[in-house]
């Protein structure tokens, strides 16, 4: 039997979902966020700061930009490299990190890297053609990390055993 769940966040989001369980309510909520403009921009943008891509623009020491200043300036370990060395090093780090991140879904790693290379080739630095399955998986990651709405709380609304008051304008 279906139940009613309230999904709320510290960012002020409040929605009601009809589902059989908390987990199903969470999945329904996430599926409905795939088209959210912020989620799409965050996932599809290949910029180094404040994007899904940020997690890949690093090596084993840390980000390849100065994260303390919040500005994009190269860190010392790559500053002295030639342009060709720098490009090859950054690309190898990105590819390694993407493959590790999606190691249980290699098709997503392949898809992400194809879109990354296409975005660089066309100098749009943005993905234009992710599959529906990728969008769903990436949206789930972004929402679970609290990137869109902060922490999400899902609570069953039990109309039979709790007294609720509906407030109308």
Protein backbone atom coordinates (compact mmCIF):
# COMPACT_ATOMS: atom_id res chain seq x y z
CA UNK A 1 0.00 0.00 0.00
CA UNK A 2 1.29 3.40 -0.99
CA UNK A 3 2.21 5.97 1.66
CA UNK A 4 2.82 9.70 1.68
CA UNK A 5 6.34 11.01 2.37
CA UNK A 6 7.52 14.55 2.93
CA UNK A 7 10.88 15.35 1.37
CA UNK A 8 12.50 18.44 2.81
CA UNK A 9 15.92 20.03 2.82
CA UNK A 10 17.92 22.57 4.74
CA UNK A 11 17.73 24.76 1.62
CA UNK A 12 13.96 25.13 2.08
CA UNK A 13 12.76 22.53 -0.39
CA UNK A 14 9.53 20.79 0.59
CA UNK A 15 7.72 18.26 -1.59
CA UNK A 16 5.32 15.40 -1.01
CA UNK A 17 5.87 12.01 -2.65
CA UNK A 18 3.53 9.05 -2.94
CA UNK A 19 5.59 5.82 -2.57
CA UNK A 20 5.70 2.41 -0.92
CA UNK A 21 8.87 3.11 1.10
CA UNK A 22 11.31 5.84 2.08
CA UNK A 23 13.83 4.50 -0.45
CA UNK A 24 11.24 4.56 -3.23
CA UNK A 25 10.26 8.12 -2.22
CA UNK A 26 13.94 9.11 -2.48
CA UNK A 27 14.26 7.47 -5.92
CA UNK A 28 11.09 9.18 -7.19
CA UNK A 29 12.33 12.52 -5.88
CA UNK A 30 15.72 12.08 -7.57
CA UNK A 31 14.16 11.02 -10.89
CA UNK A 32 12.17 14.24 -10.79
CA UNK A 33 15.31 16.31 -10.26
CA UNK A 34 17.13 15.14 -13.40
CA UNK A 35 15.67 18.09 -15.34
CA UNK A 36 16.47 20.58 -12.58
CA UNK A 37 18.47 23.42 -14.15
CA UNK A 38 21.02 23.53 -11.32
CA UNK A 39 21.60 19.77 -11.42
CA UNK A 40 22.03 19.83 -15.20
CA UNK A 41 24.45 22.75 -15.13
CA UNK A 42 26.43 21.27 -12.23
CA UNK A 43 26.80 17.88 -13.95
CA UNK A 44 27.31 19.01 -17.55
CA UNK A 45 29.83 21.79 -16.97
CA UNK A 46 33.53 20.93 -17.33
CA UNK A 47 34.86 23.74 -15.16
CA UNK A 48 37.34 23.21 -12.36
CA UNK A 49 35.44 24.81 -9.51
CA UNK A 50 31.89 24.15 -8.24
CA UNK A 51 30.92 21.42 -10.68
CA UNK A 52 30.72 17.64 -10.90
CA UNK A 53 33.95 17.81 -12.91
CA UNK A 54 35.81 19.31 -9.94
CA UNK A 55 36.15 15.85 -8.33
CA UNK A 56 38.19 14.68 -11.33
CA UNK A 57 40.50 17.68 -11.71
CA UNK A 58 43.05 16.47 -9.17
CA UNK A 59 45.94 14.13 -8.65
CA UNK A 60 46.84 12.00 -5.64
CA UNK A 61 48.07 15.11 -3.79
CA UNK A 62 44.95 17.21 -4.31
CA UNK A 63 43.32 19.70 -6.71
CA UNK A 64 45.34 20.88 -9.71
CA UNK A 65 44.39 24.46 -8.89
CA UNK A 66 44.84 26.55 -5.77
CA UNK A 67 41.79 25.52 -3.73
CA UNK A 68 42.76 27.78 -0.81
CA UNK A 69 42.37 30.96 -2.84
CA UNK A 70 39.33 29.61 -4.69
CA UNK A 71 40.90 30.96 -7.85
CA UNK A 72 42.07 28.95 -10.80
CA UNK A 73 45.80 29.18 -10.55
CA UNK A 74 48.03 26.20 -11.06
CA UNK A 75 49.62 24.53 -8.08
CA UNK A 76 53.41 24.46 -7.83
CA UNK A 77 53.76 20.81 -8.84
CA UNK A 78 52.47 21.53 -12.36
CA UNK A 79 53.40 25.19 -12.80
CA UNK A 80 56.92 24.37 -14.02
CA UNK A 81 55.79 21.82 -16.63
CA UNK A 82 55.75 22.71 -20.31
CA UNK A 83 52.33 23.25 -21.87
CA UNK A 84 52.43 19.81 -23.48
CA UNK A 85 53.51 18.09 -20.25
CA UNK A 86 50.86 19.95 -18.27
CA UNK A 87 48.10 19.03 -20.71
CA UNK A 88 49.14 15.36 -20.81
CA UNK A 89 49.43 15.19 -17.00
CA UNK A 90 46.06 16.84 -16.34
CA UNK A 91 44.34 14.68 -18.96
CA UNK A 92 45.81 11.49 -17.49
CA UNK A 93 44.67 12.51 -13.99
CA UNK A 94 41.16 13.33 -15.20
CA UNK A 95 40.81 10.07 -17.13
CA UNK A 96 42.16 8.00 -14.21
CA UNK A 97 39.81 9.71 -11.73
CA UNK A 98 36.73 9.34 -13.95
CA UNK A 99 37.43 5.63 -14.47
CA UNK A 100 37.96 5.10 -10.73
CA UNK A 101 34.82 7.06 -9.82
CA UNK A 102 32.63 5.07 -12.20
CA UNK A 103 34.54 1.79 -11.80
CA UNK A 104 31.30 -0.12 -11.16
CA UNK A 105 29.72 1.54 -14.24
CA UNK A 106 32.47 1.71 -16.91
CA UNK A 107 29.90 2.73 -19.50
CA UNK A 108 29.34 5.95 -17.52
CA UNK A 109 33.09 6.62 -17.38
CA UNK A 110 33.29 6.15 -21.15
CA UNK A 111 30.27 8.39 -21.72
CA UNK A 112 31.57 11.12 -19.40
CA UNK A 113 35.02 11.12 -21.01
CA UNK A 114 33.54 11.21 -24.51
CA UNK A 115 31.47 14.26 -23.55
CA UNK A 116 34.49 15.85 -21.83
CA UNK A 117 36.68 15.41 -24.94
CA UNK A 118 33.90 16.69 -27.21
CA UNK A 119 33.38 19.74 -24.97
CA UNK A 120 37.10 20.49 -25.12
CA UNK A 121 37.26 19.94 -28.87
CA UNK A 122 34.38 22.35 -29.50
CA UNK A 123 35.55 24.68 -26.70
CA UNK A 124 32.08 24.65 -25.13
CA UNK A 125 33.40 22.89 -21.98
CA UNK A 126 29.97 21.46 -21.47
CA UNK A 127 28.33 18.08 -22.08
CA UNK A 128 25.49 18.10 -24.55
CA UNK A 129 24.50 14.47 -24.89
CA UNK A 130 24.44 12.37 -21.71
CA UNK A 131 22.18 9.34 -21.68
CA UNK A 132 19.12 9.23 -19.44
CA UNK A 133 20.79 6.53 -17.31
CA UNK A 134 23.86 8.72 -16.82
CA UNK A 135 21.75 11.76 -15.88
CA UNK A 136 19.91 9.70 -13.28
CA UNK A 137 23.10 8.27 -11.76
CA UNK A 138 24.90 11.63 -11.71
CA UNK A 139 21.84 13.42 -10.29
CA UNK A 140 21.69 10.83 -7.52
CA UNK A 141 25.36 11.47 -6.70
CA UNK A 142 24.91 15.24 -6.67
CA UNK A 143 21.79 15.14 -4.51
CA UNK A 144 23.27 12.57 -2.12
CA UNK A 145 26.30 14.83 -1.66
CA UNK A 146 24.01 17.71 -0.71
CA UNK A 147 25.14 19.84 -3.67
CA UNK A 148 21.66 20.99 -4.67
CA UNK A 149 19.57 21.14 -1.57
CA UNK A 150 21.87 20.36 1.32
CA UNK A 151 20.86 17.40 3.46
CA UNK A 152 17.59 15.79 2.39
CA UNK A 153 15.22 14.41 5.00
CA UNK A 154 12.41 12.03 4.13
CA UNK A 155 9.63 11.51 6.65
CA UNK A 156 6.53 9.37 6.34
CA UNK A 157 3.32 11.31 6.92
CA UNK A 158 1.00 9.09 8.93
CA UNK A 159 -2.48 10.58 8.67
CA UNK A 160 -4.09 7.79 10.71
CA UNK A 161 -2.03 8.11 13.88
CA UNK A 162 -1.00 11.75 13.85
CA UNK A 163 -3.04 14.90 13.93
CA UNK A 164 -2.01 17.24 11.10
CA UNK A 165 -3.24 20.74 10.44
CA UNK A 166 -3.51 22.00 6.91
CA UNK A 167 -2.72 25.71 6.70
CA UNK A 168 -4.25 27.59 3.78
CA UNK A 169 -3.56 31.11 2.71
